[in-house]
């Protein structure tokens, strides 16, 4: 977030949502008010979208993450490094790519003999410390989004890098035909929450499946039909790159 003082100077500051969850993911420029105004500060804004907020983890998601986090084969394989990263509080998902050749990978940009972790969520310093501890010796830990310097017991400095996933914001608009006798008074809110819960639970590289949006909508009673349902303006699946993650954007639910 950027802070502007009375002289017009700008400074950056860390922010954290007061209420956990996907509601804290807002678009660029959405934050413009200070709850406790500070002397000399004339304005605040977020030049970039905020991210990292997710709905409560479902039982299925917890089981999957648990299985991955305890699956620590011997050595420092990619799976073992991912398991160590998933043990970190706040890490929602992780993938470790690697380049075992002697040339830079032209498709990914990963240097030769290097690993390239992508980590969704979690404290950057703790992630860097963990990567330094578990990565193979003499193997570069490469990334461009986060670069940290760690000094070992002999005074040697090691560079640890990793990347954050790209964010694919998914805006959903639904028009519902409902039975007023069965549809709850807060049914539109419940439908929006069901859609948000699905999108918030997607893992790295997991596509948004259009029919699963329909299924989540029908989890609320009293819905007869869905005359209109669009995701990012379309009526099909949304492909998500392996280095990205889908996040909920604006969800609009109306009844006809």
Protein backbone atom coordinates (compact mmCIF):
# COMPACT_ATOMS: atom_id res chain seq x y z
CA UNK A 1 0.00 0.00 0.00
CA UNK A 2 1.17 3.56 -0.72
CA UNK A 3 1.01 6.38 1.85
CA UNK A 4 1.19 10.05 0.85
CA UNK A 5 2.22 12.81 3.28
CA UNK A 6 1.50 16.52 3.20
CA UNK A 7 4.60 17.18 1.10
CA UNK A 8 3.42 14.79 -1.59
CA UNK A 9 6.08 12.15 -0.79
CA UNK A 10 5.06 8.51 -1.14
CA UNK A 11 6.02 5.52 0.99
CA UNK A 12 5.02 1.85 0.92
CA UNK A 13 3.58 -0.02 3.90
CA UNK A 14 2.47 -3.57 4.59
CA UNK A 15 -1.25 -4.19 5.07
CA UNK A 16 -3.30 -7.07 6.44
CA UNK A 17 -7.05 -7.60 6.39
CA UNK A 18 -8.75 -7.34 9.78
CA UNK A 19 -11.28 -10.03 8.85
CA UNK A 20 -9.77 -13.20 7.35
CA UNK A 21 -11.13 -14.64 4.11
CA UNK A 22 -11.57 -13.88 0.44
CA UNK A 23 -13.37 -10.61 1.22
CA UNK A 24 -9.94 -9.08 1.81
CA UNK A 25 -9.00 -9.56 -1.85
CA UNK A 26 -9.80 -6.22 -3.44
CA UNK A 27 -8.88 -4.52 -6.68
CA UNK A 28 -6.25 -1.86 -7.20
CA UNK A 29 -7.28 1.50 -5.76
CA UNK A 30 -10.02 0.02 -3.54
CA UNK A 31 -8.30 1.03 -0.27
CA UNK A 32 -8.53 4.79 0.24
CA UNK A 33 -9.51 5.41 3.88
CA UNK A 34 -7.57 5.17 7.15
CA UNK A 35 -9.45 3.89 10.19
CA UNK A 36 -7.09 5.81 12.46
CA UNK A 37 -5.81 8.90 10.59
CA UNK A 38 -2.18 9.78 11.25
CA UNK A 39 -0.82 13.33 11.50
CA UNK A 40 0.87 14.39 8.28
CA UNK A 41 -0.63 11.56 6.20
CA UNK A 42 -2.99 12.93 3.56
CA UNK A 43 -3.96 9.76 1.73
CA UNK A 44 -3.53 6.02 1.23
CA UNK A 45 -4.15 3.69 -1.67
CA UNK A 46 -3.26 0.23 -2.93
CA UNK A 47 -1.72 0.49 -6.42
CA UNK A 48 -1.92 -3.30 -6.82
CA UNK A 49 -4.75 -5.76 -6.08
CA UNK A 50 -4.56 -7.47 -2.69
CA UNK A 51 -4.47 -11.25 -2.56
CA UNK A 52 -4.04 -14.26 -0.32
CA UNK A 53 -7.41 -14.23 1.40
CA UNK A 54 -9.35 -17.48 1.13
CA UNK A 55 -12.52 -18.96 2.53
CA UNK A 56 -12.39 -21.53 5.32
CA UNK A 57 -10.56 -24.64 4.18
CA UNK A 58 -12.95 -27.50 3.43
CA UNK A 59 -12.45 -30.99 4.88
CA UNK A 60 -11.43 -32.29 1.44
CA UNK A 61 -8.86 -29.52 0.98
CA UNK A 62 -7.47 -30.13 4.46
CA UNK A 63 -7.09 -33.86 3.78
CA UNK A 64 -5.31 -33.21 0.47
CA UNK A 65 -2.92 -30.68 2.00
CA UNK A 66 -2.24 -32.99 4.96
CA UNK A 67 -1.37 -35.92 2.69
CA UNK A 68 1.02 -33.72 0.70
CA UNK A 69 2.61 -32.17 3.79
CA UNK A 70 3.47 -35.51 5.41
CA UNK A 71 4.62 -37.14 2.18
CA UNK A 72 8.27 -36.37 2.75
CA UNK A 73 10.41 -38.86 0.89
CA UNK A 74 14.08 -38.99 1.77
CA UNK A 75 16.50 -36.49 0.32
CA UNK A 76 15.66 -33.11 -1.13
CA UNK A 77 13.35 -34.02 -3.98
CA UNK A 78 10.81 -31.55 -5.35
CA UNK A 79 8.05 -33.42 -3.49
CA UNK A 80 9.97 -33.20 -0.21
CA UNK A 81 10.56 -29.45 -0.66
CA UNK A 82 6.86 -28.92 -1.44
CA UNK A 83 5.94 -30.86 1.69
CA UNK A 84 8.23 -28.67 3.80
CA UNK A 85 6.69 -25.52 2.31
CA UNK A 86 3.16 -26.78 3.00
CA UNK A 87 4.13 -27.16 6.67
CA UNK A 88 4.54 -23.37 6.91
CA UNK A 89 1.61 -21.55 8.46
CA UNK A 90 -0.29 -19.58 5.85
CA UNK A 91 1.05 -21.44 2.82
CA UNK A 92 -1.96 -22.49 0.77
CA UNK A 93 -0.18 -24.33 -2.02
CA UNK A 94 3.30 -24.79 -3.42
CA UNK A 95 4.95 -26.23 -6.49
CA UNK A 96 8.66 -26.73 -7.09
CA UNK A 97 9.76 -26.69 -10.72
CA UNK A 98 13.28 -27.64 -11.62
CA UNK A 99 15.77 -27.47 -14.46
CA UNK A 100 18.26 -30.33 -14.38
CA UNK A 101 19.98 -29.37 -17.65
CA UNK A 102 23.10 -27.27 -18.15
CA UNK A 103 21.21 -24.60 -20.11
CA UNK A 104 18.63 -22.02 -19.10
CA UNK A 105 15.13 -23.36 -19.83
CA UNK A 106 13.87 -21.15 -22.71
CA UNK A 107 10.23 -21.76 -21.79
CA UNK A 108 10.39 -20.94 -18.07
CA UNK A 109 13.59 -18.91 -17.69
CA UNK A 110 14.81 -21.25 -14.94
CA UNK A 111 18.64 -21.22 -14.83
CA UNK A 112 20.61 -24.45 -15.25
CA UNK A 113 20.77 -26.80 -12.26
CA UNK A 114 18.18 -24.82 -10.33
CA UNK A 115 14.86 -25.22 -8.59
CA UNK A 116 12.13 -22.60 -8.98
CA UNK A 117 9.52 -22.74 -6.18
CA UNK A 118 6.11 -21.11 -6.58
CA UNK A 119 4.51 -20.47 -3.20
CA UNK A 120 0.93 -19.30 -2.64
CA UNK A 121 0.60 -17.56 0.73
CA UNK A 122 2.86 -17.63 3.78
CA UNK A 123 5.49 -15.31 5.25
CA UNK A 124 8.28 -14.58 2.76
CA UNK A 125 11.12 -14.72 5.30
CA UNK A 126 9.95 -18.05 6.71
CA UNK A 127 9.61 -19.47 3.21
CA UNK A 128 13.16 -18.36 2.33
CA UNK A 129 14.56 -19.88 5.54
CA UNK A 130 12.79 -23.17 4.84
CA UNK A 131 14.02 -23.30 1.25
CA UNK A 132 17.59 -22.66 2.39
CA UNK A 133 17.30 -25.51 4.90
CA UNK A 134 15.78 -28.13 2.60
CA UNK A 135 17.13 -27.37 -0.86
CA UNK A 136 19.93 -29.56 -2.26
CA UNK A 137 23.47 -28.32 -1.73
CA UNK A 138 25.01 -26.42 -4.64
CA UNK A 139 21.59 -26.10 -6.30
CA UNK A 140 20.35 -22.58 -7.00
CA UNK A 141 16.98 -21.64 -5.56
CA UNK A 142 15.69 -19.26 -8.22
CA UNK A 143 12.86 -16.78 -8.34
CA UNK A 144 12.22 -13.19 -9.34
CA UNK A 145 9.30 -12.14 -7.14
CA UNK A 146 11.04 -12.73 -3.80
CA UNK A 147 14.83 -12.64 -3.39
CA UNK A 148 16.37 -13.05 0.09
CA UNK A 149 19.96 -13.12 1.35
CA UNK A 150 20.75 -15.66 4.06
CA UNK A 151 24.13 -15.79 5.81
CA UNK A 152 25.26 -19.19 7.08
CA UNK A 153 27.32 -19.99 10.17
CA UNK A 154 30.56 -19.44 8.22
CA UNK A 155 29.56 -15.97 7.10
CA UNK A 156 28.82 -17.03 3.53
CA UNK A 157 25.81 -15.32 1.95
CA UNK A 158 23.34 -17.40 -0.03
CA UNK A 159 20.67 -15.99 -2.36
CA UNK A 160 17.27 -17.66 -2.06
CA UNK A 161 14.60 -16.77 -4.58
CA UNK A 162 11.06 -17.93 -5.22
CA UNK A 163 8.01 -16.75 -7.09
CA UNK A 164 4.43 -15.96 -6.18
CA UNK A 165 1.67 -17.25 -8.47
CA UNK A 166 -0.01 -14.96 -10.93
CA UNK A 167 -3.60 -14.14 -10.03
CA UNK A 168 -6.49 -14.84 -12.37
CA UNK A 169 -9.42 -12.81 -11.07
CA UNK A 170 -12.74 -14.49 -11.82
CA UNK A 171 -15.84 -12.30 -11.98
CA UNK A 172 -19.14 -14.19 -11.88
CA UNK A 173 -22.62 -12.94 -12.73
CA UNK A 174 -25.65 -15.15 -12.15
CA UNK A 175 -29.36 -14.58 -12.72
CA UNK A 176 -31.53 -17.16 -10.95
CA UNK A 177 -35.09 -18.30 -11.40
CA UNK A 178 -36.29 -19.27 -7.91
CA UNK A 179 -39.24 -20.63 -5.99
CA UNK A 180 -40.03 -17.85 -3.47
CA UNK A 181 -41.46 -20.37 -1.04
CA UNK A 182 -38.24 -22.41 -0.88
CA UNK A 183 -35.52 -19.87 -1.69
CA UNK A 184 -34.09 -18.41 1.57
CA UNK A 185 -34.48 -14.67 2.24
CA UNK A 186 -30.68 -14.38 2.07
CA UNK A 187 -30.45 -16.87 -0.80
CA UNK A 188 -28.53 -14.55 -3.11
CA UNK A 189 -25.90 -14.02 -0.42
CA UNK A 190 -25.66 -17.78 0.14
CA UNK A 191 -25.21 -18.41 -3.58
CA UNK A 192 -22.48 -15.76 -3.80
CA UNK A 193 -20.74 -17.36 -0.80
CA UNK A 194 -20.96 -20.81 -2.43
CA UNK A 195 -19.36 -19.48 -5.63
CA UNK A 196 -16.69 -17.65 -3.64
CA UNK A 197 -15.96 -20.80 -1.64
CA UNK A 198 -15.38 -22.80 -4.81
CA UNK A 199 -13.08 -20.21 -6.35
CA UNK A 200 -11.17 -19.64 -3.11
CA UNK A 201 -10.43 -23.34 -2.79
CA UNK A 202 -8.74 -23.79 -6.17
CA UNK A 203 -5.11 -24.86 -6.14
CA UNK A 204 -2.18 -23.67 -8.24
CA UNK A 205 -2.82 -24.26 -11.91
CA UNK A 206 -6.36 -25.56 -11.34
CA UNK A 207 -8.82 -24.49 -14.02
CA UNK A 208 -12.19 -22.94 -13.22
CA UNK A 209 -14.81 -25.49 -14.30
CA UNK A 210 -18.06 -23.92 -15.44
CA UNK A 211 -20.27 -26.87 -14.47
CA UNK A 212 -18.88 -26.79 -10.93
CA UNK A 213 -20.11 -23.22 -10.61
CA UNK A 214 -23.56 -24.50 -11.56
CA UNK A 215 -23.28 -27.28 -8.99
CA UNK A 216 -22.31 -24.84 -6.21
CA UNK A 217 -25.22 -22.56 -7.10
CA UNK A 218 -27.68 -25.45 -6.86
CA UNK A 219 -26.43 -26.24 -3.35
CA UNK A 220 -28.82 -23.50 -2.17
CA UNK A 221 -32.46 -24.69 -2.04
CA UNK A 222 -35.27 -23.17 -4.04
CA UNK A 223 -33.42 -22.59 -7.32
CA UNK A 224 -35.49 -23.61 -10.34
CA UNK A 225 -33.12 -22.59 -13.13
CA UNK A 226 -30.08 -20.44 -13.95
CA UNK A 227 -31.08 -18.41 -17.02
CA UNK A 228 -27.77 -16.53 -17.03
CA UNK A 229 -24.38 -17.51 -15.67
CA UNK A 230 -21.13 -15.98 -16.87
CA UNK A 231 -17.57 -16.28 -15.60
CA UNK A 232 -15.38 -13.45 -16.89
CA UNK A 233 -18.07 -12.77 -19.45
CA UNK A 234 -18.10 -16.31 -20.86
CA UNK A 235 -20.00 -19.55 -20.43
CA UNK A 236 -17.14 -22.02 -20.43
CA UNK A 237 -14.18 -23.17 -18.39
CA UNK A 238 -11.42 -20.70 -17.55
CA UNK A 239 -7.92 -22.05 -18.13
CA UNK A 240 -5.38 -21.21 -15.44
CA UNK A 241 -1.65 -21.49 -16.10
CA UNK A 242 0.39 -23.83 -13.93
CA UNK A 243 2.13 -20.79 -12.43
CA UNK A 244 -1.12 -19.00 -11.55
CA UNK A 245 -4.12 -19.36 -9.26
CA UNK A 246 -7.75 -18.32 -9.68
CA UNK A 247 -9.16 -15.90 -7.10
CA UNK A 248 -12.72 -14.60 -6.70
CA UNK A 249 -13.44 -11.14 -8.04
CA UNK A 250 -16.85 -9.50 -8.25
CA UNK A 251 -19.70 -11.95 -7.72
CA UNK A 252 -23.17 -10.68 -8.62
CA UNK A 253 -26.28 -12.77 -7.96
CA UNK A 254 -29.79 -11.60 -8.83
CA UNK A 255 -33.16 -13.31 -9.08
CA UNK A 256 -35.77 -13.06 -11.78
